[in-house]
Amino acid sequence: MLTDIFTASVASEDGNKENNMALTQNYTHPSGAVIQNAYYKITSIRGSKDKMTADVSVFVDAAASNSGKPAIGFASHDFAPDLSISNFIEQGYASMKALDEYSSAGDV
């Protein structure tokens, strides 16, 4: 039960299914380059029973993420957690998809 403050790193290579969730959509790098079907992965979740923050790393693709290549971008998104559902990672992805900037994102 989440009562106070919660922090978890969710980026691992242990095969845990919840860690393999991601979204894909085009990403415009600050240099102006557009990466088609970039791989958006929640790499950490932190917060409290009132507000959670999902930290997102953007990779060129899933292979880059899985092989330890550096992220090409980062973002953070806040959401109100549903404490009756213990999978905060899944909630983070659902909250991202509700945002206009991820409306065209696909699930991986």
PDB file of N, CA and C in Angstrom:
ATOM      1  N   MET A   1       0.844  -1.181   0.000  1.00  0.00           N
ATOM      2  CA  MET A   1       0.000   0.000   0.000  1.00  0.00           C
ATOM      3  C   MET A   1       0.883   1.237   0.000  1.00  0.00           C
ATOM      4  N   LEU A   2       0.556   2.149  -0.869  1.00  0.00           N
ATOM      5  CA  LEU A   2       1.290   3.400  -0.963  1.00  0.00           C
ATOM      6  C   LEU A   2       0.743   4.354   0.083  1.00  0.00           C
ATOM      7  N   THR A   3       1.567   4.732   1.022  1.00  0.00           N
ATOM      8  CA  THR A   3       1.087   5.597   2.093  1.00  0.00           C
ATOM      9  C   THR A   3       1.749   6.962   2.103  1.00  0.00           C
ATOM     10  N   ASP A   4       3.011   7.022   1.777  1.00  0.00           N
ATOM     11  CA  ASP A   4       3.711   8.283   1.920  1.00  0.00           C
ATOM     12  C   ASP A   4       4.440   8.640   0.636  1.00  0.00           C
ATOM     13  N   ILE A   5       5.669   8.241   0.549  1.00  0.00           N
ATOM     14  CA  ILE A   5       6.483   8.572  -0.609  1.00  0.00           C
ATOM     15  C   ILE A   5       6.949   7.276  -1.252  1.00  0.00           C
ATOM     16  N   PHE A   6       6.943   7.257  -2.572  1.00  0.00           N
ATOM     17  CA  PHE A   6       7.279   6.053  -3.320  1.00  0.00           C
ATOM     18  C   PHE A   6       8.251   6.436  -4.425  1.00  0.00           C
ATOM     19  N   THR A   7       9.311   5.673  -4.587  1.00  0.00           N
ATOM     20  CA  THR A   7      10.250   5.857  -5.693  1.00  0.00           C
ATOM     21  C   THR A   7      10.666   4.471  -6.173  1.00  0.00           C
ATOM     22  N   ALA A   8      10.675   4.290  -7.476  1.00  0.00           N
ATOM     23  CA  ALA A   8      11.125   3.014  -8.025  1.00  0.00           C
ATOM     24  C   ALA A   8      11.743   3.226  -9.386  1.00  0.00           C
ATOM     25  N   SER A   9      12.841   2.552  -9.619  1.00  0.00           N
ATOM     26  CA  SER A   9      13.421   2.505 -10.941  1.00  0.00           C
ATOM     27  C   SER A   9      12.772   1.335 -11.649  1.00  0.00           C
ATOM     28  N   VAL A  10      12.318   1.552 -12.864  1.00  0.00           N
ATOM     29  CA  VAL A  10      11.631   0.476 -13.572  1.00  0.00           C
ATOM     30  C   VAL A  10      12.394   0.024 -14.809  1.00  0.00           C
ATOM     31  N   ALA A  11      13.562   0.579 -15.029  1.00  0.00           N
ATOM     32  CA  ALA A  11      14.366   0.164 -16.168  1.00  0.00           C
ATOM     33  C   ALA A  11      15.251  -0.998 -15.741  1.00  0.00           C
ATOM     34  N   SER A  12      14.928  -2.176 -16.235  1.00  0.00           N
ATOM     35  CA  SER A  12      15.770  -3.331 -15.926  1.00  0.00           C
ATOM     36  C   SER A  12      15.781  -4.274 -17.101  1.00  0.00           C
ATOM     37  N   GLU A  13      16.705  -5.174 -17.079  1.00  0.00           N
ATOM     38  CA  GLU A  13      16.819  -6.153 -18.149  1.00  0.00           C
ATOM     39  C   GLU A  13      16.492  -7.545 -17.631  1.00  0.00           C
ATOM     40  N   ASP A  14      15.688  -7.617 -16.568  1.00  0.00           N
ATOM     41  CA  ASP A  14      15.421  -8.912 -15.952  1.00  0.00           C
ATOM     42  C   ASP A  14      14.238  -9.654 -16.574  1.00  0.00           C
ATOM     43  N   GLY A  15      13.645  -9.066 -17.620  1.00  0.00           N
ATOM     44  CA  GLY A  15      12.538  -9.737 -18.275  1.00  0.00           C
ATOM     45  C   GLY A  15      11.202  -9.518 -17.606  1.00  0.00           C
ATOM     46  N   ASN A  16      11.154  -8.729 -16.555  1.00  0.00           N
ATOM     47  CA  ASN A  16       9.893  -8.439 -15.870  1.00  0.00           C
ATOM     48  C   ASN A  16       8.949  -7.774 -16.855  1.00  0.00           C
ATOM     49  N   LYS A  17       7.776  -8.364 -17.070  1.00  0.00           N
ATOM     50  CA  LYS A  17       6.857  -7.892 -18.094  1.00  0.00           C
ATOM     51  C   LYS A  17       6.504  -6.422 -17.935  1.00  0.00           C
ATOM     52  N   GLU A  18       6.261  -5.960 -16.713  1.00  0.00           N
ATOM     53  CA  GLU A  18       5.865  -4.572 -16.556  1.00  0.00           C
ATOM     54  C   GLU A  18       6.983  -3.621 -16.979  1.00  0.00           C
ATOM     55  N   ASN A  19       8.214  -4.062 -16.927  1.00  0.00           N
ATOM     56  CA  ASN A  19       9.323  -3.224 -17.356  1.00  0.00           C
ATOM     57  C   ASN A  19       9.469  -3.188 -18.866  1.00  0.00           C
ATOM     58  N   ASN A  20       8.778  -4.052 -19.568  1.00  0.00           N
ATOM     59  CA  ASN A  20       8.875  -4.109 -21.014  1.00  0.00           C
ATOM     60  C   ASN A  20       7.796  -3.284 -21.713  1.00  0.00           C
ATOM     61  N   MET A  21       6.976  -2.585 -20.956  1.00  0.00           N
ATOM     62  CA  MET A  21       5.982  -1.708 -21.563  1.00  0.00           C
ATOM     63  C   MET A  21       6.692  -0.518 -22.185  1.00  0.00           C
ATOM     64  N   ALA A  22       6.101   0.053 -23.213  1.00  0.00           N
ATOM     65  CA  ALA A  22       6.629   1.261 -23.832  1.00  0.00           C
ATOM     66  C   ALA A  22       5.587   1.801 -24.806  1.00  0.00           C
ATOM     67  N   LEU A  23       5.852   2.996 -25.285  1.00  0.00           N
ATOM     68  CA  LEU A  23       5.034   3.607 -26.325  1.00  0.00           C
ATOM     69  C   LEU A  23       5.956   3.949 -27.489  1.00  0.00           C
ATOM     70  N   THR A  24       5.404   4.005 -28.687  1.00  0.00           N
ATOM     71  CA  THR A  24       6.163   4.465 -29.847  1.00  0.00           C
ATOM     72  C   THR A  24       5.403   5.588 -30.532  1.00  0.00           C
ATOM     73  N   GLN A  25       6.155   6.573 -30.958  1.00  0.00           N
ATOM     74  CA  GLN A  25       5.637   7.637 -31.813  1.00  0.00           C
ATOM     75  C   GLN A  25       6.835   8.444 -32.295  1.00  0.00           C
ATOM     76  N   ASN A  26       6.615   9.306 -33.256  1.00  0.00           N
ATOM     77  CA  ASN A  26       7.717  10.112 -33.771  1.00  0.00           C
ATOM     78  C   ASN A  26       8.208  11.073 -32.693  1.00  0.00           C
ATOM     79  N   TYR A  27       9.516  11.342 -32.734  1.00  0.00           N
ATOM     80  CA  TYR A  27      10.142  12.241 -31.776  1.00  0.00           C
ATOM     81  C   TYR A  27      10.979  13.251 -32.540  1.00  0.00           C
ATOM     82  N   THR A  28      10.794  14.522 -32.224  1.00  0.00           N
ATOM     83  CA  THR A  28      11.618  15.560 -32.822  1.00  0.00           C
ATOM     84  C   THR A  28      12.710  15.946 -31.830  1.00  0.00           C
ATOM     85  N   HIS A  29      13.925  15.606 -32.170  1.00  0.00           N
ATOM     86  CA  HIS A  29      15.103  15.909 -31.346  1.00  0.00           C
ATOM     87  C   HIS A  29      15.337  17.425 -31.370  1.00  0.00           C
ATOM     88  N   PRO A  30      15.904  17.983 -30.299  1.00  0.00           N
ATOM     89  CA  PRO A  30      16.187  19.429 -30.288  1.00  0.00           C
ATOM     90  C   PRO A  30      17.024  19.902 -31.489  1.00  0.00           C
ATOM     91  N   SER A  31      17.779  19.010 -32.114  1.00  0.00           N
ATOM     92  CA  SER A  31      18.570  19.370 -33.302  1.00  0.00           C
ATOM     93  C   SER A  31      17.686  19.553 -34.531  1.00  0.00           C
ATOM     94  N   GLY A  32      16.429  19.109 -34.444  1.00  0.00           N
ATOM     95  CA  GLY A  32      15.513  19.190 -35.577  1.00  0.00           C
ATOM     96  C   GLY A  32      15.312  17.850 -36.273  1.00  0.00           C
ATOM     97  N   ALA A  33      16.157  16.878 -35.976  1.00  0.00           N
ATOM     98  CA  ALA A  33      16.012  15.550 -36.582  1.00  0.00           C
ATOM     99  C   ALA A  33      14.747  14.878 -36.054  1.00  0.00           C
ATOM    100  N   VAL A  34      14.023  14.239 -36.952  1.00  0.00           N
ATOM    101  CA  VAL A  34      12.809  13.527 -36.558  1.00  0.00           C
ATOM    102  C   VAL A  34      13.107  12.035 -36.549  1.00  0.00           C
ATOM    103  N   ILE A  35      12.874  11.413 -35.409  1.00  0.00           N
ATOM    104  CA  ILE A  35      13.080   9.973 -35.258  1.00  0.00           C
ATOM    105  C   ILE A  35      11.717   9.313 -35.411  1.00  0.00           C
ATOM    106  N   GLN A  36      11.559   8.530 -36.461  1.00  0.00           N
ATOM    107  CA  GLN A  36      10.305   7.828 -36.714  1.00  0.00           C
ATOM    108  C   GLN A  36      10.142   6.687 -35.710  1.00  0.00           C
ATOM    109  N   ASN A  37       8.963   6.554 -35.143  1.00  0.00           N
ATOM    110  CA  ASN A  37       8.653   5.467 -34.214  1.00  0.00           C
ATOM    111  C   ASN A  37       9.661   5.338 -33.080  1.00  0.00           C
ATOM    112  N   ALA A  38       9.998   6.467 -32.467  1.00  0.00           N
ATOM    113  CA  ALA A  38      10.904   6.442 -31.309  1.00  0.00           C
ATOM    114  C   ALA A  38      10.243   5.653 -30.185  1.00  0.00           C
ATOM    115  N   TYR A  39      11.053   5.179 -29.271  1.00  0.00           N
ATOM    116  CA  TYR A  39      10.643   4.278 -28.189  1.00  0.00           C
ATOM    117  C   TYR A  39      10.634   5.063 -26.880  1.00  0.00           C
ATOM    118  N   TYR A  40       9.454   5.260 -26.299  1.00  0.00           N
ATOM    119  CA  TYR A  40       9.271   6.021 -25.061  1.00  0.00           C
ATOM    120  C   TYR A  40       9.073   5.038 -23.918  1.00  0.00           C
ATOM    121  N   LYS A  41       9.992   5.059 -22.954  1.00  0.00           N
ATOM    122  CA  LYS A  41       9.944   4.092 -21.863  1.00  0.00           C
ATOM    123  C   LYS A  41       9.981   4.809 -20.517  1.00  0.00           C
ATOM    124  N   ILE A  42       9.046   4.463 -19.629  1.00  0.00           N
ATOM    125  CA  ILE A  42       9.089   4.980 -18.265  1.00  0.00           C
ATOM    126  C   ILE A  42      10.273   4.317 -17.572  1.00  0.00           C
ATOM    127  N   THR A  43      11.188   5.155 -17.068  1.00  0.00           N
ATOM    128  CA  THR A  43      12.391   4.622 -16.430  1.00  0.00           C
ATOM    129  C   THR A  43      12.373   4.767 -14.919  1.00  0.00           C
ATOM    130  N   SER A  44      11.468   5.597 -14.401  1.00  0.00           N
ATOM    131  CA  SER A  44      11.280   5.650 -12.949  1.00  0.00           C
ATOM    132  C   SER A  44       9.924   6.267 -12.637  1.00  0.00           C
ATOM    133  N   ILE A  45       9.430   5.890 -11.483  1.00  0.00           N
ATOM    134  CA  ILE A  45       8.158   6.397 -10.946  1.00  0.00           C
ATOM    135  C   ILE A  45       8.451   6.873  -9.535  1.00  0.00           C
ATOM    136  N   ARG A  46       7.943   8.040  -9.211  1.00  0.00           N
ATOM    137  CA  ARG A  46       8.117   8.535  -7.846  1.00  0.00           C
ATOM    138  C   ARG A  46       6.899   9.362  -7.467  1.00  0.00           C
ATOM    139  N   GLY A  47       6.692   9.514  -6.184  1.00  0.00           N
ATOM    140  CA  GLY A  47       5.599  10.357  -5.739  1.00  0.00           C
ATOM    141  C   GLY A  47       4.986   9.888  -4.447  1.00  0.00           C
ATOM    142  N   SER A  48       3.735  10.264  -4.263  1.00  0.00           N
ATOM    143  CA  SER A  48       3.001   9.951  -3.044  1.00  0.00           C
ATOM    144  C   SER A  48       1.609   9.473  -3.424  1.00  0.00           C
ATOM    145  N   LYS A  49       0.787   9.261  -2.422  1.00  0.00           N
ATOM    146  CA  LYS A  49      -0.577   8.796  -2.695  1.00  0.00           C
ATOM    147  C   LYS A  49      -1.402   9.837  -3.424  1.00  0.00           C
ATOM    148  N   ASP A  50      -0.944  11.087  -3.441  1.00  0.00           N
ATOM    149  CA  ASP A  50      -1.692  12.152  -4.098  1.00  0.00           C
ATOM    150  C   ASP A  50      -1.213  12.470  -5.511  1.00  0.00           C
ATOM    151  N   LYS A  51       0.083  12.304  -5.758  1.00  0.00           N
ATOM    152  CA  LYS A  51       0.632  12.641  -7.074  1.00  0.00           C
ATOM    153  C   LYS A  51       1.852  11.786  -7.358  1.00  0.00           C
ATOM    154  N   MET A  52       1.879  11.194  -8.538  1.00  0.00           N
ATOM    155  CA  MET A  52       3.020  10.412  -8.994  1.00  0.00           C
ATOM    156  C   MET A  52       3.638  11.136 -10.189  1.00  0.00           C
ATOM    157  N   THR A  53       4.935  10.924 -10.376  1.00  0.00           N
ATOM    158  CA  THR A  53       5.640  11.453 -11.537  1.00  0.00           C
ATOM    159  C   THR A  53       6.303  10.293 -12.253  1.00  0.00           C
ATOM    160  N   ALA A  54       6.035  10.197 -13.544  1.00  0.00           N
ATOM    161  CA  ALA A  54       6.673   9.185 -14.386  1.00  0.00           C
ATOM    162  C   ALA A  54       7.783   9.867 -15.169  1.00  0.00           C
ATOM    163  N   ASP A  55       9.016   9.392 -15.010  1.00  0.00           N
ATOM    164  CA  ASP A  55      10.146   9.888 -15.793  1.00  0.00           C
ATOM    165  C   ASP A  55      10.269   9.005 -17.029  1.00  0.00           C
ATOM    166  N   VAL A  56      10.318   9.647 -18.180  1.00  0.00           N
ATOM    167  CA  VAL A  56      10.308   8.937 -19.459  1.00  0.00           C
ATOM    168  C   VAL A  56      11.616   9.196 -20.196  1.00  0.00           C
ATOM    169  N   SER A  57      12.216   8.124 -20.690  1.00  0.00           N
ATOM    170  CA  SER A  57      13.390   8.233 -21.553  1.00  0.00           C
ATOM    171  C   SER A  57      12.954   7.879 -22.970  1.00  0.00           C
ATOM    172  N   VAL A  58      13.479   8.627 -23.935  1.00  0.00           N
ATOM    173  CA  VAL A  58      13.157   8.400 -25.344  1.00  0.00           C
ATOM    174  C   VAL A  58      14.396   7.818 -26.020  1.00  0.00           C
ATOM    175  N   PHE A  59      14.195   6.701 -26.712  1.00  0.00           N
ATOM    176  CA  PHE A  59      15.284   6.018 -27.413  1.00  0.00           C
ATOM    177  C   PHE A  59      14.975   5.965 -28.906  1.00  0.00           C
ATOM    178  N   VAL A  60      16.010   5.776 -29.702  1.00  0.00           N
ATOM    179  CA  VAL A  60      15.819   5.658 -31.146  1.00  0.00           C
ATOM    180  C   VAL A  60      14.845   4.522 -31.454  1.00  0.00           C
ATOM    181  N   ASP A  61      15.000   3.399 -30.740  1.00  0.00           N
ATOM    182  CA  ASP A  61      14.107   2.259 -30.904  1.00  0.00           C
ATOM    183  C   ASP A  61      14.282   1.317 -29.709  1.00  0.00           C
ATOM    184  N   ALA A  62      13.518   0.240 -29.695  1.00  0.00           N
ATOM    185  CA  ALA A  62      13.577  -0.713 -28.581  1.00  0.00           C
ATOM    186  C   ALA A  62      14.960  -1.347 -28.466  1.00  0.00           C
ATOM    187  N   ALA A  63      15.584  -1.640 -29.604  1.00  0.00           N
ATOM    188  CA  ALA A  63      16.915  -2.262 -29.573  1.00  0.00           C
ATOM    189  C   ALA A  63      17.921  -1.344 -28.882  1.00  0.00           C
ATOM    190  N   ALA A  64      17.828  -0.051 -29.125  1.00  0.00           N
ATOM    191  CA  ALA A  64      18.738   0.896 -28.471  1.00  0.00           C
ATOM    192  C   ALA A  64      18.519   0.891 -26.963  1.00  0.00           C
ATOM    193  N   SER A  65      17.263   0.864 -26.543  1.00  0.00           N
ATOM    194  CA  SER A  65      16.951   0.818 -25.106  1.00  0.00           C
ATOM    195  C   SER A  65      17.470  -0.465 -24.481  1.00  0.00           C
ATOM    196  N   ASN A  66      17.191  -1.590 -25.126  1.00  0.00           N
ATOM    197  CA  ASN A  66      17.560  -2.896 -24.570  1.00  0.00           C
ATOM    198  C   ASN A  66      19.066  -3.144 -24.553  1.00  0.00           C
ATOM    199  N   SER A  67      19.809  -2.470 -25.428  1.00  0.00           N
ATOM    200  CA  SER A  67      21.252  -2.688 -25.481  1.00  0.00           C
ATOM    201  C   SER A  67      22.032  -1.664 -24.653  1.00  0.00           C
ATOM    202  N   GLY A  68      21.312  -0.802 -23.940  1.00  0.00           N
ATOM    203  CA  GLY A  68      21.977   0.142 -23.053  1.00  0.00           C
ATOM    204  C   GLY A  68      22.464   1.415 -23.720  1.00  0.00           C
ATOM    205  N   LYS A  69      22.010   1.676 -24.939  1.00  0.00           N
ATOM    206  CA  LYS A  69      22.385   2.923 -25.603  1.00  0.00           C
ATOM    207  C   LYS A  69      21.781   4.099 -24.833  1.00  0.00           C
ATOM    208  N   PRO A  70      22.392   5.269 -24.925  1.00  0.00           N
ATOM    209  CA  PRO A  70      21.849   6.426 -24.196  1.00  0.00           C
ATOM    210  C   PRO A  70      20.536   6.905 -24.805  1.00  0.00           C
ATOM    211  N   ALA A  71      19.698   7.465 -23.954  1.00  0.00           N
ATOM    212  CA  ALA A  71      18.445   8.052 -24.412  1.00  0.00           C
ATOM    213  C   ALA A  71      18.740   9.292 -25.242  1.00  0.00           C
ATOM    214  N   ILE A  72      17.845   9.604 -26.173  1.00  0.00           N
ATOM    215  CA  ILE A  72      17.989  10.806 -26.999  1.00  0.00           C
ATOM    216  C   ILE A  72      17.118  11.943 -26.480  1.00  0.00           C
ATOM    217  N   GLY A  73      16.264  11.643 -25.512  1.00  0.00           N
ATOM    218  CA  GLY A  73      15.405  12.662 -24.933  1.00  0.00           C
ATOM    219  C   GLY A  73      14.809  12.190 -23.622  1.00  0.00           C
ATOM    220  N   PHE A  74      14.261  13.147 -22.886  1.00  0.00           N
ATOM    221  CA  PHE A  74      13.672  12.851 -21.580  1.00  0.00           C
ATOM    222  C   PHE A  74      12.429  13.704 -21.380  1.00  0.00           C
ATOM    223  N   ALA A  75      11.503  13.193 -20.569  1.00  0.00           N
ATOM    224  CA  ALA A  75      10.302  13.942 -20.193  1.00  0.00           C
ATOM    225  C   ALA A  75       9.839  13.438 -18.836  1.00  0.00           C
ATOM    226  N   SER A  76       9.030  14.218 -18.161  1.00  0.00           N
ATOM    227  CA  SER A  76       8.396  13.817 -16.903  1.00  0.00           C
ATOM    228  C   SER A  76       6.927  14.192 -16.975  1.00  0.00           C
ATOM    229  N   HIS A  77       6.086  13.309 -16.454  1.00  0.00           N
ATOM    230  CA  HIS A  77       4.646  13.554 -16.475  1.00  0.00           C
ATOM    231  C   HIS A  77       4.055  13.208 -15.117  1.00  0.00           C
ATOM    232  N   ASP A  78       3.231  14.096 -14.601  1.00  0.00           N
ATOM    233  CA  ASP A  78       2.546  13.871 -13.329  1.00  0.00           C
ATOM    234  C   ASP A  78       1.177  13.257 -13.569  1.00  0.00           C
ATOM    235  N   PHE A  79       0.738  12.434 -12.617  1.00  0.00           N
ATOM    236  CA  PHE A  79      -0.608  11.883 -12.671  1.00  0.00           C
ATOM    237  C   PHE A  79      -1.085  11.566 -11.264  1.00  0.00           C
ATOM    238  N   ALA A  80      -2.394  11.518 -11.106  1.00  0.00           N
ATOM    239  CA  ALA A  80      -3.001  11.149  -9.817  1.00  0.00           C
ATOM    240  C   ALA A  80      -3.139   9.630  -9.791  1.00  0.00           C
ATOM    241  N   PRO A  81      -2.481   8.955  -8.863  1.00  0.00           N
ATOM    242  CA  PRO A  81      -2.545   7.490  -8.847  1.00  0.00           C
ATOM    243  C   PRO A  81      -3.882   6.965  -8.330  1.00  0.00           C
ATOM    244  N   ASP A  82      -4.267   5.821  -8.854  1.00  0.00           N
ATOM    245  CA  ASP A  82      -5.422   5.081  -8.343  1.00  0.00           C
ATOM    246  C   ASP A  82      -4.853   4.044  -7.384  1.00  0.00           C
ATOM    247  N   LEU A  83      -5.036   4.254  -6.101  1.00  0.00           N
ATOM    248  CA  LEU A  83      -4.415   3.381  -5.101  1.00  0.00           C
ATOM    249  C   LEU A  83      -5.017   1.985  -5.045  1.00  0.00           C
ATOM    250  N   SER A  84      -6.155   1.784  -5.712  1.00  0.00           N
ATOM    251  CA  SER A  84      -6.738   0.448  -5.743  1.00  0.00           C
ATOM    252  C   SER A  84      -6.060  -0.435  -6.796  1.00  0.00           C
ATOM    253  N   ILE A  85      -5.231   0.174  -7.632  1.00  0.00           N
ATOM    254  CA  ILE A  85      -4.486  -0.549  -8.667  1.00  0.00           C
ATOM    255  C   ILE A  85      -3.013  -0.391  -8.347  1.00  0.00           C
ATOM    256  N   SER A  86      -2.314  -1.495  -8.114  1.00  0.00           N
ATOM    257  CA  SER A  86      -0.932  -1.410  -7.642  1.00  0.00           C
ATOM    258  C   SER A  86       0.097  -1.195  -8.750  1.00  0.00           C
ATOM    259  N   ASN A  87      -0.269  -1.329 -10.019  1.00  0.00           N
ATOM    260  CA  ASN A  87       0.705  -1.181 -11.091  1.00  0.00           C
ATOM    261  C   ASN A  87       0.794   0.291 -11.505  1.00  0.00           C
ATOM    262  N   PHE A  88       1.689   1.029 -10.845  1.00  0.00           N
ATOM    263  CA  PHE A  88       1.833   2.447 -11.123  1.00  0.00           C
ATOM    264  C   PHE A  88       2.487   2.702 -12.472  1.00  0.00           C
ATOM    265  N   ILE A  89       3.260   1.756 -12.954  1.00  0.00           N
ATOM    266  CA  ILE A  89       3.881   1.889 -14.270  1.00  0.00           C
ATOM    267  C   ILE A  89       2.792   1.896 -15.342  1.00  0.00           C
ATOM    268  N   GLU A  90       1.898   0.943 -15.264  1.00  0.00           N
ATOM    269  CA  GLU A  90       0.787   0.880 -16.211  1.00  0.00           C
ATOM    270  C   GLU A  90      -0.053   2.156 -16.133  1.00  0.00           C
ATOM    271  N   GLN A  91      -0.288   2.643 -14.927  1.00  0.00           N
ATOM    272  CA  GLN A  91      -1.033   3.886 -14.755  1.00  0.00           C
ATOM    273  C   GLN A  91      -0.286   5.062 -15.399  1.00  0.00           C
ATOM    274  N   GLY A  92       1.034   5.053 -15.287  1.00  0.00           N
ATOM    275  CA  GLY A  92       1.831   6.109 -15.905  1.00  0.00           C
ATOM    276  C   GLY A  92       1.665   6.137 -17.409  1.00  0.00           C
ATOM    277  N   TYR A  93       1.705   4.958 -18.039  1.00  0.00           N
ATOM    278  CA  TYR A  93       1.506   4.899 -19.491  1.00  0.00           C
ATOM    279  C   TYR A  93       0.093   5.329 -19.870  1.00  0.00           C
ATOM    280  N   ALA A  94      -0.897   4.905 -19.114  1.00  0.00           N
ATOM    281  CA  ALA A  94      -2.280   5.299 -19.407  1.00  0.00           C
ATOM    282  C   ALA A  94      -2.440   6.812 -19.292  1.00  0.00           C
ATOM    283  N   SER A  95      -1.803   7.403 -18.292  1.00  0.00           N
ATOM    284  CA  SER A  95      -1.914   8.860 -18.134  1.00  0.00           C
ATOM    285  C   SER A  95      -1.200   9.585 -19.277  1.00  0.00           C
ATOM    286  N   MET A  96      -0.077   9.034 -19.740  1.00  0.00           N
ATOM    287  CA  MET A  96       0.610   9.644 -20.884  1.00  0.00           C
ATOM    288  C   MET A  96      -0.281   9.632 -22.118  1.00  0.00           C
ATOM    289  N   LYS A  97      -0.910   8.485 -22.370  1.00  0.00           N
ATOM    290  CA  LYS A  97      -1.742   8.362 -23.573  1.00  0.00           C
ATOM    291  C   LYS A  97      -2.962   9.280 -23.536  1.00  0.00           C
ATOM    292  N   ALA A  98      -3.332   9.751 -22.350  1.00  0.00           N
ATOM    293  CA  ALA A  98      -4.452  10.685 -22.229  1.00  0.00           C
ATOM    294  C   ALA A  98      -4.037  12.122 -22.578  1.00  0.00           C
ATOM    295  N   LEU A  99      -2.726  12.368 -22.675  1.00  0.00           N
ATOM    296  CA  LEU A  99      -2.221  13.693 -23.016  1.00  0.00           C
ATOM    297  C   LEU A  99      -2.205  13.889 -24.531  1.00  0.00           C
ATOM    298  N   ASP A 100      -2.489  15.102 -24.983  1.00  0.00           N
ATOM    299  CA  ASP A 100      -2.503  15.395 -26.418  1.00  0.00           C
ATOM    300  C   ASP A 100      -1.189  15.021 -27.098  1.00  0.00           C
ATOM    301  N   GLU A 101      -0.065  15.262 -26.438  1.00  0.00           N
ATOM    302  CA  GLU A 101       1.226  15.013 -27.079  1.00  0.00           C
ATOM    303  C   GLU A 101       1.495  13.533 -27.339  1.00  0.00           C
ATOM    304  N   TYR A 102       0.727  12.637 -26.699  1.00  0.00           N
ATOM    305  CA  TYR A 102       0.896  11.201 -26.915  1.00  0.00           C
ATOM    306  C   TYR A 102      -0.354  10.564 -27.531  1.00  0.00           C
ATOM    307  N   SER A 103      -1.248  11.366 -28.059  1.00  0.00           N
ATOM    308  CA  SER A 103      -2.510  10.830 -28.569  1.00  0.00           C
ATOM    309  C   SER A 103      -2.316   9.868 -29.741  1.00  0.00           C
ATOM    310  N   SER A 104      -1.217  10.002 -30.467  1.00  0.00           N
ATOM    311  CA  SER A 104      -0.978   9.100 -31.595  1.00  0.00           C
ATOM    312  C   SER A 104      -0.013   7.965 -31.247  1.00  0.00           C
ATOM    313  N   ALA A 105       0.398   7.890 -29.986  1.00  0.00           N
ATOM    314  CA  ALA A 105       1.371   6.863 -29.582  1.00  0.00           C
ATOM    315  C   ALA A 105       0.758   5.476 -29.616  1.00  0.00           C
ATOM    316  N   GLY A 106       1.560   4.524 -30.016  1.00  0.00           N
ATOM    317  CA  GLY A 106       1.138   3.125 -30.014  1.00  0.00           C
ATOM    318  C   GLY A 106       1.765   2.375 -28.860  1.00  0.00           C
ATOM    319  N   ASP A 107       1.089   1.336 -28.412  1.00  0.00           N
ATOM    320  CA  ASP A 107       1.623   0.486 -27.341  1.00  0.00           C
ATOM    321  C   ASP A 107       2.623  -0.494 -27.902  1.00  0.00           C
ATOM    322  N   VAL A 108       3.618  -0.801 -27.099  1.00  0.00           N
ATOM    323  CA  VAL A 108       4.607  -1.826 -27.479  1.00  0.00           C
ATOM    324  C   VAL A 108       4.486  -2.951 -26.488  1.00  0.00           C
TER     325      VAL A 108
END
